[in-house]
Protein backbone atom coordinates (compact mmCIF):
# COMPACT_ATOMS: atom_id res chain seq x y z
CA MET A 1 -24.88 -5.25 -75.30
CA GLY A 2 -27.40 -4.00 -72.79
CA HIS A 3 -28.97 -6.08 -70.06
CA PRO A 4 -32.72 -6.37 -69.54
CA PRO A 5 -33.91 -4.25 -66.58
CA LEU A 6 -34.35 -5.89 -63.23
CA GLU A 7 -37.80 -5.20 -61.87
CA PHE A 8 -38.17 -5.17 -58.11
CA SER A 9 -41.60 -6.81 -58.37
CA ASP A 10 -40.07 -9.76 -60.31
CA CYS A 11 -37.85 -10.73 -57.37
CA TYR A 12 -40.96 -11.81 -55.47
CA LEU A 13 -41.80 -14.34 -58.23
CA ASP A 14 -38.15 -15.61 -58.19
CA SER A 15 -38.69 -16.91 -61.73
CA PRO A 16 -35.94 -18.61 -63.77
CA ASP A 17 -35.99 -15.55 -66.07
CA PHE A 18 -35.38 -13.24 -63.20
CA ARG A 19 -32.47 -15.45 -61.93
CA GLU A 20 -30.91 -15.52 -65.34
CA ARG A 21 -31.05 -11.68 -65.61
CA LEU A 22 -29.68 -11.40 -62.13
CA LYS A 23 -26.82 -13.77 -63.08
CA CYS A 24 -26.05 -11.54 -66.13
CA TYR A 25 -25.82 -8.47 -63.88
CA GLU A 26 -23.52 -10.37 -61.40
CA GLN A 27 -21.23 -11.43 -64.30
CA GLU A 28 -21.10 -7.85 -65.55
CA LEU A 29 -20.30 -6.51 -62.08
CA GLU A 30 -17.50 -9.07 -61.71
CA ARG A 31 -16.11 -8.14 -65.10
CA THR A 32 -16.27 -4.47 -64.26
CA ASN A 33 -14.66 -5.08 -60.88
CA LYS A 34 -11.83 -7.00 -62.49
CA PHE A 35 -11.30 -4.16 -64.99
CA ILE A 36 -11.14 -1.58 -62.24
CA LYS A 37 -8.60 -3.66 -60.32
CA ASP A 38 -6.49 -3.99 -63.44
CA VAL A 39 -6.67 -0.25 -64.11
CA ILE A 40 -5.52 0.46 -60.56
CA LYS A 41 -2.72 -2.08 -60.69
CA ASP A 42 -1.51 -0.95 -64.05
CA GLY A 43 -1.80 2.66 -63.03
CA ASN A 44 0.26 2.07 -59.90
CA ALA A 45 2.89 0.29 -61.96
CA LEU A 46 2.97 3.20 -64.41
CA ILE A 47 3.44 5.71 -61.60
CA GLY A 48 6.25 3.67 -60.12
CA ALA A 49 7.93 3.39 -63.49
CA MET A 50 7.56 7.13 -63.98
CA ARG A 51 9.16 7.84 -60.62
CA ASN A 52 12.03 5.50 -61.37
CA TYR A 53 12.48 7.17 -64.86
CA SER A 54 12.41 10.56 -63.33
CA SER A 55 14.99 9.68 -60.73
CA ALA A 56 17.21 8.17 -63.43
CA VAL A 57 16.98 11.18 -65.68
CA GLN A 58 17.83 13.47 -62.79
CA LYS A 59 20.86 11.36 -61.75
CA PHE A 60 22.03 11.13 -65.39
CA SER A 61 21.69 14.90 -65.76
CA GLN A 62 23.57 15.54 -62.44
CA THR A 63 26.37 13.22 -63.56
CA LEU A 64 26.74 15.02 -66.92
CA GLN A 65 26.63 18.47 -65.23
CA SER A 66 29.28 17.50 -62.68
CA PHE A 67 31.78 16.36 -65.41
CA GLN A 68 35.13 18.21 -65.45
CA PHE A 69 38.35 17.52 -67.19
CA ASP A 70 41.45 17.46 -65.05
CA PHE A 71 44.26 19.67 -66.17
CA ILE A 72 47.11 18.09 -67.96
CA GLY A 73 49.63 20.86 -68.06
CA ASP A 74 48.72 24.45 -67.29
CA THR A 75 45.34 24.87 -68.97
CA LEU A 76 42.65 22.95 -70.82
CA THR A 77 42.83 22.68 -74.55
CA ASP A 78 40.17 24.23 -76.74
CA ASP A 79 38.82 20.71 -77.42
CA GLU A 80 38.57 19.83 -73.75
CA ILE A 81 36.76 23.14 -73.10
CA ASN A 82 34.36 22.48 -76.00
CA ILE A 83 33.82 18.89 -74.83
CA GLY A 84 33.25 20.03 -71.22
CA ASN A 85 30.78 22.73 -72.29
CA SER A 86 28.93 20.21 -74.56
CA VAL A 87 28.55 17.73 -71.71
CA LEU A 88 27.23 20.44 -69.43
CA SER A 89 24.79 21.57 -72.08
CA MET A 90 23.64 18.04 -72.62
CA GLY A 91 23.06 17.58 -68.90
CA ALA A 92 20.94 20.66 -68.78
CA PHE A 93 19.13 19.64 -71.93
CA VAL A 94 18.32 16.19 -70.57
CA LEU A 95 16.94 17.74 -67.38
CA GLN A 96 14.93 20.28 -69.34
CA GLY A 97 13.46 17.55 -71.54
CA GLN A 98 12.00 15.89 -68.47
CA HIS A 99 9.79 18.86 -67.65
């Protein structure tokens, strides 16, 4: 819904109609100001959440990539090698998925 234009010459008359139009503009400015403040607040919250998410993904990826089986006996079994390689690959995949 549009607002009727404010005419500079009407402000001299200071009529009830002019005051009502002015009140409509003030309400619209207050509504717009509140909207902008909400956008800024929600945007900042989103940026913070994205930073936290990014840090968590990097930490998770580093944890996966640093995983190693300890030797029980002389060498790792084929299953242990495959699991270790899979965990390393998953860590790289998680980190790549973030970019």
